[in-house]
Amino acid sequence: MSRYQNAIQTPELAETYAPAINQFMINEGFTLVDYKSAQVWKKGVGLATAPQFLSIQYVGNTIYLDAFIRYPILPGVYVGEMGLTGFIGALPKGLLKNRVQAVEAYIFSLWQQPMNAAPQPQQPQG
């Protein structure tokens, strides 16, 4: 199965949001690791469930997000990658899918107006 991929358009240069996203990932328990010559975010050691990986790239006004888990052949022995769909590995895929949705929601929140900051109606003068 292929990786989950999403391209999120930003109103400013995507790299502007990198420090906030990096801190969010750290707060969520991810660590930055080298994986196939790239820096990716990893959570989990694979003892009970498959390690979760998120790749976040900043290009122009786009944030590219890839997510996958490693494919186990034996407990603790991982050889391939799986995306977020399909029955095999449903539990770790579901956990990663929830994390991806949280990351995407956080990214969108970085440039959205807070709900309570909406303009208040004007009182009639008189």
PDB file of N, CA and C in Angstrom:
ATOM      1  N   MET A   1       0.842  -1.178   0.000  1.00  0.00           N
ATOM      2  CA  MET A   1       0.000   0.000   0.000  1.00  0.00           C
ATOM      3  C   MET A   1       0.884   1.236   0.000  1.00  0.00           C
ATOM      4  N   SER A   2       0.420   2.245  -0.630  1.00  0.00           N
ATOM      5  CA  SER A   2       1.234   3.449  -0.731  1.00  0.00           C
ATOM      6  C   SER A   2       1.021   4.352   0.479  1.00  0.00           C
ATOM      7  N   ARG A   3       1.918   5.274   0.620  1.00  0.00           N
ATOM      8  CA  ARG A   3       1.838   6.242   1.713  1.00  0.00           C
ATOM      9  C   ARG A   3       0.616   7.139   1.562  1.00  0.00           C
ATOM     10  N   TYR A   4       0.136   7.635   2.703  1.00  0.00           N
ATOM     11  CA  TYR A   4      -0.865   8.699   2.679  1.00  0.00           C
ATOM     12  C   TYR A   4      -0.128   9.977   2.300  1.00  0.00           C
ATOM     13  N   GLN A   5      -0.691  10.763   1.398  1.00  0.00           N
ATOM     14  CA  GLN A   5      -0.059  12.017   0.989  1.00  0.00           C
ATOM     15  C   GLN A   5      -1.099  13.127   0.926  1.00  0.00           C
ATOM     16  N   ASN A   6      -0.696  14.321   1.336  1.00  0.00           N
ATOM     17  CA  ASN A   6      -1.555  15.491   1.248  1.00  0.00           C
ATOM     18  C   ASN A   6      -0.674  16.709   0.994  1.00  0.00           C
ATOM     19  N   ALA A   7      -1.153  17.606   0.147  1.00  0.00           N
ATOM     20  CA  ALA A   7      -0.472  18.872  -0.122  1.00  0.00           C
ATOM     21  C   ALA A   7      -1.382  19.979   0.389  1.00  0.00           C
ATOM     22  N   ILE A   8      -0.907  20.733   1.366  1.00  0.00           N
ATOM     23  CA  ILE A   8      -1.700  21.783   1.997  1.00  0.00           C
ATOM     24  C   ILE A   8      -1.174  23.139   1.535  1.00  0.00           C
ATOM     25  N   GLN A   9      -2.026  23.901   0.891  1.00  0.00           N
ATOM     26  CA  GLN A   9      -1.660  25.242   0.431  1.00  0.00           C
ATOM     27  C   GLN A   9      -1.709  26.206   1.607  1.00  0.00           C
ATOM     28  N   THR A  10      -0.699  27.066   1.710  1.00  0.00           N
ATOM     29  CA  THR A  10      -0.616  28.036   2.801  1.00  0.00           C
ATOM     30  C   THR A  10      -0.692  29.454   2.242  1.00  0.00           C
ATOM     31  N   PRO A  11      -1.180  30.401   3.049  1.00  0.00           N
ATOM     32  CA  PRO A  11      -1.269  31.777   2.563  1.00  0.00           C
ATOM     33  C   PRO A  11       0.080  32.499   2.513  1.00  0.00           C
ATOM     34  N   GLU A  12       1.075  31.960   3.204  1.00  0.00           N
ATOM     35  CA  GLU A  12       2.425  32.532   3.212  1.00  0.00           C
ATOM     36  C   GLU A  12       3.394  31.428   2.815  1.00  0.00           C
ATOM     37  N   LEU A  13       4.675  31.752   2.784  1.00  0.00           N
ATOM     38  CA  LEU A  13       5.669  30.704   2.545  1.00  0.00           C
ATOM     39  C   LEU A  13       5.494  29.610   3.593  1.00  0.00           C
ATOM     40  N   ALA A  14       5.463  28.384   3.149  1.00  0.00           N
ATOM     41  CA  ALA A  14       5.204  27.255   4.040  1.00  0.00           C
ATOM     42  C   ALA A  14       6.217  27.175   5.175  1.00  0.00           C
ATOM     43  N   GLU A  15       7.468  27.520   4.890  1.00  0.00           N
ATOM     44  CA  GLU A  15       8.516  27.440   5.903  1.00  0.00           C
ATOM     45  C   GLU A  15       8.248  28.340   7.103  1.00  0.00           C
ATOM     46  N   THR A  16       7.403  29.344   6.938  1.00  0.00           N
ATOM     47  CA  THR A  16       7.020  30.230   8.029  1.00  0.00           C
ATOM     48  C   THR A  16       6.420  29.433   9.179  1.00  0.00           C
ATOM     49  N   TYR A  17       5.746  28.349   8.851  1.00  0.00           N
ATOM     50  CA  TYR A  17       5.026  27.565   9.847  1.00  0.00           C
ATOM     51  C   TYR A  17       5.863  26.442  10.447  1.00  0.00           C
ATOM     52  N   ALA A  18       7.061  26.225   9.949  1.00  0.00           N
ATOM     53  CA  ALA A  18       7.900  25.105  10.393  1.00  0.00           C
ATOM     54  C   ALA A  18       8.180  25.116  11.895  1.00  0.00           C
ATOM     55  N   PRO A  19       8.571  26.235  12.509  1.00  0.00           N
ATOM     56  CA  PRO A  19       8.856  26.177  13.945  1.00  0.00           C
ATOM     57  C   PRO A  19       7.647  25.747  14.779  1.00  0.00           C
ATOM     58  N   ALA A  20       6.474  26.260  14.458  1.00  0.00           N
ATOM     59  CA  ALA A  20       5.269  25.892  15.216  1.00  0.00           C
ATOM     60  C   ALA A  20       4.918  24.422  14.994  1.00  0.00           C
ATOM     61  N   ILE A  21       5.025  23.951  13.761  1.00  0.00           N
ATOM     62  CA  ILE A  21       4.713  22.546  13.455  1.00  0.00           C
ATOM     63  C   ILE A  21       5.722  21.619  14.129  1.00  0.00           C
ATOM     64  N   ASN A  22       7.001  21.985  14.102  1.00  0.00           N
ATOM     65  CA  ASN A  22       8.024  21.180  14.769  1.00  0.00           C
ATOM     66  C   ASN A  22       7.730  21.046  16.259  1.00  0.00           C
ATOM     67  N   GLN A  23       7.359  22.151  16.904  1.00  0.00           N
ATOM     68  CA  GLN A  23       7.046  22.108  18.334  1.00  0.00           C
ATOM     69  C   GLN A  23       5.811  21.252  18.591  1.00  0.00           C
ATOM     70  N   PHE A  24       4.814  21.349  17.723  1.00  0.00           N
ATOM     71  CA  PHE A  24       3.614  20.517  17.846  1.00  0.00           C
ATOM     72  C   PHE A  24       3.984  19.034  17.772  1.00  0.00           C
ATOM     73  N   MET A  25       4.830  18.675  16.820  1.00  0.00           N
ATOM     74  CA  MET A  25       5.231  17.278  16.658  1.00  0.00           C
ATOM     75  C   MET A  25       5.982  16.779  17.895  1.00  0.00           C
ATOM     76  N   ILE A  26       6.856  17.594  18.447  1.00  0.00           N
ATOM     77  CA  ILE A  26       7.577  17.227  19.666  1.00  0.00           C
ATOM     78  C   ILE A  26       6.593  17.029  20.814  1.00  0.00           C
ATOM     79  N   ASN A  27       5.627  17.950  20.945  1.00  0.00           N
ATOM     80  CA  ASN A  27       4.627  17.843  22.005  1.00  0.00           C
ATOM     81  C   ASN A  27       3.770  16.584  21.856  1.00  0.00           C
ATOM     82  N   GLU A  28       3.599  16.105  20.627  1.00  0.00           N
ATOM     83  CA  GLU A  28       2.817  14.897  20.364  1.00  0.00           C
ATOM     84  C   GLU A  28       3.636  13.621  20.567  1.00  0.00           C
ATOM     85  N   GLY A  29       4.900  13.758  20.913  1.00  0.00           N
ATOM     86  CA  GLY A  29       5.730  12.597  21.209  1.00  0.00           C
ATOM     87  C   GLY A  29       6.544  12.066  20.044  1.00  0.00           C
ATOM     88  N   PHE A  30       6.621  12.813  18.956  1.00  0.00           N
ATOM     89  CA  PHE A  30       7.409  12.402  17.795  1.00  0.00           C
ATOM     90  C   PHE A  30       8.846  12.877  17.950  1.00  0.00           C
ATOM     91  N   THR A  31       9.768  12.136  17.360  1.00  0.00           N
ATOM     92  CA  THR A  31      11.164  12.554  17.308  1.00  0.00           C
ATOM     93  C   THR A  31      11.598  12.582  15.848  1.00  0.00           C
ATOM     94  N   LEU A  32      12.511  13.464  15.527  1.00  0.00           N
ATOM     95  CA  LEU A  32      13.031  13.599  14.169  1.00  0.00           C
ATOM     96  C   LEU A  32      14.148  12.576  13.978  1.00  0.00           C
ATOM     97  N   VAL A  33      14.003  11.746  12.927  1.00  0.00           N
ATOM     98  CA  VAL A  33      14.991  10.692  12.662  1.00  0.00           C
ATOM     99  C   VAL A  33      15.346  10.690  11.179  1.00  0.00           C
ATOM    100  N   ASP A  34      16.473  10.056  10.850  1.00  0.00           N
ATOM    101  CA  ASP A  34      16.848   9.838   9.457  1.00  0.00           C
ATOM    102  C   ASP A  34      16.182   8.563   8.972  1.00  0.00           C
ATOM    103  N   TYR A  35      15.526   8.647   7.819  1.00  0.00           N
ATOM    104  CA  TYR A  35      14.880   7.480   7.217  1.00  0.00           C
ATOM    105  C   TYR A  35      15.066   7.574   5.709  1.00  0.00           C
ATOM    106  N   LYS A  36      15.807   6.655   5.154  1.00  0.00           N
ATOM    107  CA  LYS A  36      16.080   6.632   3.720  1.00  0.00           C
ATOM    108  C   LYS A  36      16.568   7.992   3.216  1.00  0.00           C
ATOM    109  N   SER A  37      17.573   8.524   3.847  1.00  0.00           N
ATOM    110  CA  SER A  37      18.223   9.785   3.469  1.00  0.00           C
ATOM    111  C   SER A  37      17.330  11.010   3.611  1.00  0.00           C
ATOM    112  N   ALA A  38      16.300  10.933   4.447  1.00  0.00           N
ATOM    113  CA  ALA A  38      15.417  12.087   4.672  1.00  0.00           C
ATOM    114  C   ALA A  38      15.119  12.199   6.164  1.00  0.00           C
ATOM    115  N   GLN A  39      14.819  13.404   6.592  1.00  0.00           N
ATOM    116  CA  GLN A  39      14.412  13.647   7.967  1.00  0.00           C
ATOM    117  C   GLN A  39      12.894  13.448   8.055  1.00  0.00           C
ATOM    118  N   VAL A  40      12.456  12.534   8.934  1.00  0.00           N
ATOM    119  CA  VAL A  40      11.034  12.268   9.131  1.00  0.00           C
ATOM    120  C   VAL A  40      10.749  12.227  10.629  1.00  0.00           C
ATOM    121  N   TRP A  41       9.489  12.430  10.975  1.00  0.00           N
ATOM    122  CA  TRP A  41       9.045  12.352  12.359  1.00  0.00           C
ATOM    123  C   TRP A  41       8.624  10.914  12.632  1.00  0.00           C
ATOM    124  N   LYS A  42       9.080  10.354  13.763  1.00  0.00           N
ATOM    125  CA  LYS A  42       8.772   8.975  14.123  1.00  0.00           C
ATOM    126  C   LYS A  42       8.204   8.930  15.531  1.00  0.00           C
ATOM    127  N   LYS A  43       7.189   8.071  15.694  1.00  0.00           N
ATOM    128  CA  LYS A  43       6.641   7.827  17.027  1.00  0.00           C
ATOM    129  C   LYS A  43       6.514   6.322  17.204  1.00  0.00           C
ATOM    130  N   GLY A  44       6.972   5.832  18.315  1.00  0.00           N
ATOM    131  CA  GLY A  44       6.871   4.414  18.616  1.00  0.00           C
ATOM    132  C   GLY A  44       8.153   3.681  18.313  1.00  0.00           C
ATOM    133  N   VAL A  45       8.345   2.583  19.042  1.00  0.00           N
ATOM    134  CA  VAL A  45       9.551   1.787  18.855  1.00  0.00           C
ATOM    135  C   VAL A  45       9.250   0.441  18.226  1.00  0.00           C
ATOM    136  N   GLY A  46       7.984   0.121  18.048  1.00  0.00           N
ATOM    137  CA  GLY A  46       7.625  -1.098  17.357  1.00  0.00           C
ATOM    138  C   GLY A  46       7.527  -2.332  18.223  1.00  0.00           C
ATOM    139  N   LEU A  47       7.585  -2.205  19.544  1.00  0.00           N
ATOM    140  CA  LEU A  47       7.471  -3.381  20.394  1.00  0.00           C
ATOM    141  C   LEU A  47       6.034  -3.902  20.422  1.00  0.00           C
ATOM    142  N   ALA A  48       5.053  -3.027  20.540  1.00  0.00           N
ATOM    143  CA  ALA A  48       3.654  -3.454  20.590  1.00  0.00           C
ATOM    144  C   ALA A  48       2.922  -3.147  19.288  1.00  0.00           C
ATOM    145  N   THR A  49       3.222  -2.015  18.684  1.00  0.00           N
ATOM    146  CA  THR A  49       2.582  -1.642  17.416  1.00  0.00           C
ATOM    147  C   THR A  49       3.650  -1.132  16.466  1.00  0.00           C
ATOM    148  N   ALA A  50       3.284  -1.035  15.223  1.00  0.00           N
ATOM    149  CA  ALA A  50       4.230  -0.587  14.200  1.00  0.00           C
ATOM    150  C   ALA A  50       4.620   0.877  14.428  1.00  0.00           C
ATOM    151  N   PRO A  51       5.892   1.222  14.184  1.00  0.00           N
ATOM    152  CA  PRO A  51       6.310   2.618  14.300  1.00  0.00           C
ATOM    153  C   PRO A  51       5.574   3.483  13.279  1.00  0.00           C
ATOM    154  N   GLN A  52       5.202   4.685  13.704  1.00  0.00           N
ATOM    155  CA  GLN A  52       4.487   5.633  12.858  1.00  0.00           C
ATOM    156  C   GLN A  52       5.465   6.681  12.344  1.00  0.00           C
ATOM    157  N   PHE A  53       5.333   7.028  11.067  1.00  0.00           N
ATOM    158  CA  PHE A  53       6.226   8.000  10.447  1.00  0.00           C
ATOM    159  C   PHE A  53       5.416   9.087   9.752  1.00  0.00           C
ATOM    160  N   LEU A  54       5.865  10.327   9.901  1.00  0.00           N
ATOM    161  CA  LEU A  54       5.295  11.464   9.188  1.00  0.00           C
ATOM    162  C   LEU A  54       6.428  12.258   8.575  1.00  0.00           C
ATOM    163  N   SER A  55       6.321  12.530   7.295  1.00  0.00           N
ATOM    164  CA  SER A  55       7.282  13.367   6.596  1.00  0.00           C
ATOM    165  C   SER A  55       6.598  14.687   6.287  1.00  0.00           C
ATOM    166  N   ILE A  56       7.242  15.784   6.667  1.00  0.00           N
ATOM    167  CA  ILE A  56       6.683  17.108   6.411  1.00  0.00           C
ATOM    168  C   ILE A  56       7.721  17.917   5.647  1.00  0.00           C
ATOM    169  N   GLN A  57       7.352  18.337   4.437  1.00  0.00           N
ATOM    170  CA  GLN A  57       8.243  19.121   3.578  1.00  0.00           C
ATOM    171  C   GLN A  57       7.594  20.474   3.293  1.00  0.00           C
ATOM    172  N   TYR A  58       8.413  21.510   3.219  1.00  0.00           N
ATOM    173  CA  TYR A  58       7.944  22.873   2.969  1.00  0.00           C
ATOM    174  C   TYR A  58       8.510  23.341   1.636  1.00  0.00           C
ATOM    175  N   VAL A  59       7.637  23.566   0.654  1.00  0.00           N
ATOM    176  CA  VAL A  59       8.065  24.003  -0.672  1.00  0.00           C
ATOM    177  C   VAL A  59       7.141  25.147  -1.107  1.00  0.00           C
ATOM    178  N   GLY A  60       7.727  26.324  -1.271  1.00  0.00           N
ATOM    179  CA  GLY A  60       6.912  27.467  -1.691  1.00  0.00           C
ATOM    180  C   GLY A  60       5.778  27.712  -0.716  1.00  0.00           C
ATOM    181  N   ASN A  61       4.546  27.753  -1.221  1.00  0.00           N
ATOM    182  CA  ASN A  61       3.363  27.960  -0.386  1.00  0.00           C
ATOM    183  C   ASN A  61       2.630  26.646  -0.145  1.00  0.00           C
ATOM    184  N   THR A  62       3.374  25.546  -0.087  1.00  0.00           N
ATOM    185  CA  THR A  62       2.752  24.243   0.104  1.00  0.00           C
ATOM    186  C   THR A  62       3.499  23.439   1.168  1.00  0.00           C
ATOM    187  N   ILE A  63       2.726  22.809   2.041  1.00  0.00           N
ATOM    188  CA  ILE A  63       3.267  21.867   3.010  1.00  0.00           C
ATOM    189  C   ILE A  63       2.876  20.478   2.512  1.00  0.00           C
ATOM    190  N   TYR A  64       3.873  19.643   2.265  1.00  0.00           N
ATOM    191  CA  TYR A  64       3.633  18.274   1.801  1.00  0.00           C
ATOM    192  C   TYR A  64       3.750  17.336   2.995  1.00  0.00           C
ATOM    193  N   LEU A  65       2.700  16.555   3.217  1.00  0.00           N
ATOM    194  CA  LEU A  65       2.646  15.636   4.337  1.00  0.00           C
ATOM    195  C   LEU A  65       2.522  14.209   3.813  1.00  0.00           C
ATOM    196  N   ASP A  66       3.432  13.326   4.230  1.00  0.00           N
ATOM    197  CA  ASP A  66       3.376  11.897   3.924  1.00  0.00           C
ATOM    198  C   ASP A  66       3.300  11.162   5.254  1.00  0.00           C
ATOM    199  N   ALA A  67       2.475  10.112   5.318  1.00  0.00           N
ATOM    200  CA  ALA A  67       2.364   9.321   6.538  1.00  0.00           C
ATOM    201  C   ALA A  67       2.343   7.840   6.185  1.00  0.00           C
ATOM    202  N   PHE A  68       3.002   7.043   7.025  1.00  0.00           N
ATOM    203  CA  PHE A  68       3.046   5.597   6.787  1.00  0.00           C
ATOM    204  C   PHE A  68       3.477   4.888   8.056  1.00  0.00           C
ATOM    205  N   ILE A  69       3.215   3.589   8.097  1.00  0.00           N
ATOM    206  CA  ILE A  69       3.758   2.739   9.143  1.00  0.00           C
ATOM    207  C   ILE A  69       4.663   1.716   8.471  1.00  0.00           C
ATOM    208  N   ARG A  70       5.552   1.144   9.244  1.00  0.00           N
ATOM    209  CA  ARG A  70       6.444   0.112   8.709  1.00  0.00           C
ATOM    210  C   ARG A  70       5.710  -1.221   8.684  1.00  0.00           C
ATOM    211  N   TYR A  71       5.982  -2.046   7.683  1.00  0.00           N
ATOM    212  CA  TYR A  71       5.342  -3.336   7.489  1.00  0.00           C
ATOM    213  C   TYR A  71       6.121  -4.423   8.240  1.00  0.00           C
ATOM    214  N   PRO A  72       5.452  -5.086   9.208  1.00  0.00           N
ATOM    215  CA  PRO A  72       6.167  -6.121   9.967  1.00  0.00           C
ATOM    216  C   PRO A  72       6.113  -7.489   9.291  1.00  0.00           C
ATOM    217  N   ILE A  73       7.240  -8.206   9.333  1.00  0.00           N
ATOM    218  CA  ILE A  73       7.218  -9.609   8.908  1.00  0.00           C
ATOM    219  C   ILE A  73       7.292 -10.524  10.129  1.00  0.00           C
ATOM    220  N   LEU A  74       7.873 -10.024  11.194  1.00  0.00           N
ATOM    221  CA  LEU A  74       7.919 -10.679  12.501  1.00  0.00           C
ATOM    222  C   LEU A  74       7.790  -9.582  13.548  1.00  0.00           C
ATOM    223  N   PRO A  75       7.417  -9.914  14.774  1.00  0.00           N
ATOM    224  CA  PRO A  75       7.354  -8.866  15.803  1.00  0.00           C
ATOM    225  C   PRO A  75       8.686  -8.123  15.923  1.00  0.00           C
ATOM    226  N   GLY A  76       8.653  -6.837  15.691  1.00  0.00           N
ATOM    227  CA  GLY A  76       9.854  -6.013  15.791  1.00  0.00           C
ATOM    228  C   GLY A  76      10.738  -6.005  14.557  1.00  0.00           C
ATOM    229  N   VAL A  77      10.349  -6.739  13.512  1.00  0.00           N
ATOM    230  CA  VAL A  77      11.130  -6.784  12.272  1.00  0.00           C
ATOM    231  C   VAL A  77      10.277  -6.171  11.160  1.00  0.00           C
ATOM    232  N   TYR A  78      10.698  -5.003  10.682  1.00  0.00           N
ATOM    233  CA  TYR A  78       9.917  -4.246   9.709  1.00  0.00           C
ATOM    234  C   TYR A  78      10.680  -4.134   8.406  1.00  0.00           C
ATOM    235  N   VAL A  79       9.977  -4.369   7.288  1.00  0.00           N
ATOM    236  CA  VAL A  79      10.668  -4.369   6.010  1.00  0.00           C
ATOM    237  C   VAL A  79      10.076  -3.405   4.989  1.00  0.00           C
ATOM    238  N   GLY A  80       8.825  -3.082   5.080  1.00  0.00           N
ATOM    239  CA  GLY A  80       8.196  -2.237   4.072  1.00  0.00           C
ATOM    240  C   GLY A  80       7.356  -1.155   4.713  1.00  0.00           C
ATOM    241  N   GLU A  81       6.560  -0.489   3.882  1.00  0.00           N
ATOM    242  CA  GLU A  81       5.710   0.606   4.344  1.00  0.00           C
ATOM    243  C   GLU A  81       4.259   0.312   4.003  1.00  0.00           C
ATOM    244  N   MET A  82       3.361   0.813   4.859  1.00  0.00           N
ATOM    245  CA  MET A  82       1.927   0.741   4.605  1.00  0.00           C
ATOM    246  C   MET A  82       1.338   2.127   4.808  1.00  0.00           C
ATOM    247  N   GLY A  83       0.369   2.477   3.979  1.00  0.00           N
ATOM    248  CA  GLY A  83      -0.355   3.732   4.133  1.00  0.00           C
ATOM    249  C   GLY A  83      -1.415   3.613   5.211  1.00  0.00           C
ATOM    250  N   LEU A  84      -2.462   4.430   5.126  1.00  0.00           N
ATOM    251  CA  LEU A  84      -3.481   4.472   6.168  1.00  0.00           C
ATOM    252  C   LEU A  84      -4.733   3.684   5.829  1.00  0.00           C
ATOM    253  N   THR A  85      -4.793   3.064   4.663  1.00  0.00           N
ATOM    254  CA  THR A  85      -5.987   2.337   4.278  1.00  0.00           C
ATOM    255  C   THR A  85      -5.709   0.839   4.238  1.00  0.00           C
ATOM    256  N   GLY A  86      -6.772   0.035   4.243  1.00  0.00           N
ATOM    257  CA  GLY A  86      -6.638  -1.410   4.179  1.00  0.00           C
ATOM    258  C   GLY A  86      -6.827  -2.051   5.535  1.00  0.00           C
ATOM    259  N   PHE A  87      -7.167  -3.339   5.512  1.00  0.00           N
ATOM    260  CA  PHE A  87      -7.475  -4.071   6.736  1.00  0.00           C
ATOM    261  C   PHE A  87      -6.230  -4.486   7.507  1.00  0.00           C
ATOM    262  N   ILE A  88      -5.172  -4.893   6.794  1.00  0.00           N
ATOM    263  CA  ILE A  88      -3.958  -5.360   7.461  1.00  0.00           C
ATOM    264  C   ILE A  88      -3.349  -4.204   8.249  1.00  0.00           C
ATOM    265  N   GLY A  89      -3.108  -4.449   9.524  1.00  0.00           N
ATOM    266  CA  GLY A  89      -2.552  -3.409  10.382  1.00  0.00           C
ATOM    267  C   GLY A  89      -3.546  -2.325  10.726  1.00  0.00           C
ATOM    268  N   ALA A  90      -4.840  -2.686  10.819  1.00  0.00           N
ATOM    269  CA  ALA A  90      -5.899  -1.691  11.024  1.00  0.00           C
ATOM    270  C   ALA A  90      -5.706  -0.873  12.303  1.00  0.00           C
ATOM    271  N   LEU A  91      -5.281  -1.494  13.388  1.00  0.00           N
ATOM    272  CA  LEU A  91      -5.121  -0.764  14.647  1.00  0.00           C
ATOM    273  C   LEU A  91      -4.035   0.308  14.559  1.00  0.00           C
ATOM    274  N   PRO A  92      -2.797  -0.036  14.161  1.00  0.00           N
ATOM    275  CA  PRO A  92      -1.796   1.035  14.068  1.00  0.00           C
ATOM    276  C   PRO A  92      -2.117   2.055  12.976  1.00  0.00           C
ATOM    277  N   LYS A  93      -2.771   1.613  11.898  1.00  0.00           N
ATOM    278  CA  LYS A  93      -3.174   2.559  10.849  1.00  0.00           C
ATOM    279  C   LYS A  93      -4.200   3.544  11.390  1.00  0.00           C
ATOM    280  N   GLY A  94      -5.137   3.048  12.196  1.00  0.00           N
ATOM    281  CA  GLY A  94      -6.151   3.921  12.788  1.00  0.00           C
ATOM    282  C   GLY A  94      -5.531   4.946  13.725  1.00  0.00           C
ATOM    283  N   LEU A  95      -4.542   4.500  14.507  1.00  0.00           N
ATOM    284  CA  LEU A  95      -3.855   5.430  15.408  1.00  0.00           C
ATOM    285  C   LEU A  95      -3.136   6.519  14.615  1.00  0.00           C
ATOM    286  N   LEU A  96      -2.444   6.110  13.554  1.00  0.00           N
ATOM    287  CA  LEU A  96      -1.717   7.090  12.741  1.00  0.00           C
ATOM    288  C   LEU A  96      -2.686   8.017  12.021  1.00  0.00           C
ATOM    289  N   LYS A  97      -3.799   7.481  11.534  1.00  0.00           N
ATOM    290  CA  LYS A  97      -4.792   8.317  10.850  1.00  0.00           C
ATOM    291  C   LYS A  97      -5.301   9.418  11.779  1.00  0.00           C
ATOM    292  N   ASN A  98      -5.562   9.080  13.042  1.00  0.00           N
ATOM    293  CA  ASN A  98      -5.993  10.090  14.015  1.00  0.00           C
ATOM    294  C   ASN A  98      -4.909  11.139  14.236  1.00  0.00           C
ATOM    295  N   ARG A  99      -3.653  10.705  14.291  1.00  0.00           N
ATOM    296  CA  ARG A  99      -2.550  11.653  14.474  1.00  0.00           C
ATOM    297  C   ARG A  99      -2.409  12.574  13.259  1.00  0.00           C
ATOM    298  N   VAL A 100      -2.547  12.007  12.056  1.00  0.00           N
ATOM    299  CA  VAL A 100      -2.449  12.806  10.835  1.00  0.00           C
ATOM    300  C   VAL A 100      -3.560  13.862  10.814  1.00  0.00           C
ATOM    301  N   GLN A 101      -4.774  13.465  11.193  1.00  0.00           N
ATOM    302  CA  GLN A 101      -5.881  14.425  11.229  1.00  0.00           C
ATOM    303  C   GLN A 101      -5.606  15.539  12.228  1.00  0.00           C
ATOM    304  N   ALA A 102      -5.000  15.209  13.363  1.00  0.00           N
ATOM    305  CA  ALA A 102      -4.653  16.230  14.356  1.00  0.00           C
ATOM    306  C   ALA A 102      -3.584  17.181  13.815  1.00  0.00           C
ATOM    307  N   VAL A 103      -2.579  16.638  13.134  1.00  0.00           N
ATOM    308  CA  VAL A 103      -1.519  17.473  12.555  1.00  0.00           C
ATOM    309  C   VAL A 103      -2.111  18.404  11.491  1.00  0.00           C
ATOM    310  N   GLU A 104      -2.949  17.861  10.606  1.00  0.00           N
ATOM    311  CA  GLU A 104      -3.560  18.676   9.557  1.00  0.00           C
ATOM    312  C   GLU A 104      -4.440  19.768  10.153  1.00  0.00           C
ATOM    313  N   ALA A 105      -5.222  19.428  11.173  1.00  0.00           N
ATOM    314  CA  ALA A 105      -6.067  20.438  11.827  1.00  0.00           C
ATOM    315  C   ALA A 105      -5.199  21.532  12.447  1.00  0.00           C
ATOM    316  N   TYR A 106      -4.084  21.143  13.064  1.00  0.00           N
ATOM    317  CA  TYR A 106      -3.185  22.132  13.646  1.00  0.00           C
ATOM    318  C   TYR A 106      -2.586  23.033  12.568  1.00  0.00           C
ATOM    319  N   ILE A 107      -2.162  22.453  11.469  1.00  0.00           N
ATOM    320  CA  ILE A 107      -1.582  23.245  10.380  1.00  0.00           C
ATOM    321  C   ILE A 107      -2.590  24.271   9.883  1.00  0.00           C
ATOM    322  N   PHE A 108      -3.832  23.838   9.638  1.00  0.00           N
ATOM    323  CA  PHE A 108      -4.865  24.770   9.178  1.00  0.00           C
ATOM    324  C   PHE A 108      -5.146  25.855  10.218  1.00  0.00           C
ATOM    325  N   SER A 109      -5.046  25.503  11.497  1.00  0.00           N
ATOM    326  CA  SER A 109      -5.337  26.482  12.553  1.00  0.00           C
ATOM    327  C   SER A 109      -4.299  27.597  12.613  1.00  0.00           C
ATOM    328  N   LEU A 110      -3.117  27.366  12.044  1.00  0.00           N
ATOM    329  CA  LEU A 110      -2.054  28.365  12.140  1.00  0.00           C
ATOM    330  C   LEU A 110      -2.385  29.662  11.418  1.00  0.00           C
ATOM    331  N   TRP A 111      -3.234  29.625  10.405  1.00  0.00           N
ATOM    332  CA  TRP A 111      -3.572  30.860   9.699  1.00  0.00           C
ATOM    333  C   TRP A 111      -5.066  31.169   9.724  1.00  0.00           C
ATOM    334  N   GLN A 112      -5.829  30.414  10.499  1.00  0.00           N
ATOM    335  CA  GLN A 112      -7.266  30.677  10.608  1.00  0.00           C
ATOM    336  C   GLN A 112      -7.525  31.662  11.744  1.00  0.00           C
ATOM    337  N   GLN A 113      -8.578  32.434  11.586  1.00  0.00           N
ATOM    338  CA  GLN A 113      -9.004  33.345  12.650  1.00  0.00           C
ATOM    339  C   GLN A 113      -9.591  32.518  13.795  1.00  0.00           C
ATOM    340  N   PRO A 114      -9.278  32.863  15.042  1.00  0.00           N
ATOM    341  CA  PRO A 114      -9.926  32.163  16.159  1.00  0.00           C
ATOM    342  C   PRO A 114     -11.438  32.400  16.109  1.00  0.00           C
ATOM    343  N   MET A 115     -12.199  31.405  16.526  1.00  0.00           N
ATOM    344  CA  MET A 115     -13.658  31.502  16.484  1.00  0.00           C
ATOM    345  C   MET A 115     -14.168  32.677  17.316  1.00  0.00           C
ATOM    346  N   ASN A 116     -13.555  32.949  18.461  1.00  0.00           N
ATOM    347  CA  ASN A 116     -14.034  34.018  19.339  1.00  0.00           C
ATOM    348  C   ASN A 116     -13.541  35.390  18.914  1.00  0.00           C
ATOM    349  N   ALA A 117     -12.799  35.485  17.824  1.00  0.00           N
ATOM    350  CA  ALA A 117     -12.284  36.771  17.373  1.00  0.00           C
ATOM    351  C   ALA A 117     -13.159  37.368  16.263  1.00  0.00           C
ATOM    352  N   ALA A 118     -14.323  36.772  16.044  1.00  0.00           N
ATOM    353  CA  ALA A 118     -15.226  37.298  15.011  1.00  0.00           C
ATOM    354  C   ALA A 118     -15.697  38.686  15.407  1.00  0.00           C
ATOM    355  N   PRO A 119     -15.900  39.592  14.433  1.00  0.00           N
ATOM    356  CA  PRO A 119     -16.346  40.927  14.766  1.00  0.00           C
ATOM    357  C   PRO A 119     -17.708  40.901  15.454  1.00  0.00           C
ATOM    358  N   GLN A 120     -17.842  41.754  16.444  1.00  0.00           N
ATOM    359  CA  GLN A 120     -19.101  41.858  17.187  1.00  0.00           C
ATOM    360  C   GLN A 120     -20.048  42.820  16.467  1.00  0.00           C
ATOM    361  N   PRO A 121     -21.363  42.548  16.530  1.00  0.00           N
ATOM    362  CA  PRO A 121     -22.307  43.467  15.883  1.00  0.00           C
ATOM    363  C   PRO A 121     -22.252  44.848  16.527  1.00  0.00           C
ATOM    364  N   GLN A 122     -22.428  45.869  15.706  1.00  0.00           N
ATOM    365  CA  GLN A 122     -22.414  47.245  16.186  1.00  0.00           C
ATOM    366  C   GLN A 122     -23.719  47.558  16.923  1.00  0.00           C
ATOM    367  N   GLN A 123     -23.615  48.279  18.023  1.00  0.00           N
ATOM    368  CA  GLN A 123     -24.806  48.739  18.752  1.00  0.00           C
ATOM    369  C   GLN A 123     -25.326  50.003  18.081  1.00  0.00           C
ATOM    370  N   PRO A 124     -26.643  50.107  17.908  1.00  0.00           N
ATOM    371  CA  PRO A 124     -27.170  51.343  17.299  1.00  0.00           C
ATOM    372  C   PRO A 124     -26.856  52.554  18.187  1.00  0.00           C
ATOM    373  N   GLN A 125     -26.454  53.636  17.530  1.00  0.00           N
ATOM    374  CA  GLN A 125     -26.160  54.866  18.271  1.00  0.00           C
ATOM    375  C   GLN A 125     -27.436  55.675  18.412  1.00  0.00           C
ATOM    376  N   GLY A 126     -27.594  56.257  19.516  1.00  0.00           N
ATOM    377  CA  GLY A 126     -28.800  57.028  19.554  1.00  0.00           C
ATOM    378  C   GLY A 126     -29.114  57.640  20.796  1.00  0.00           C
TER     379      GLY A 126
END
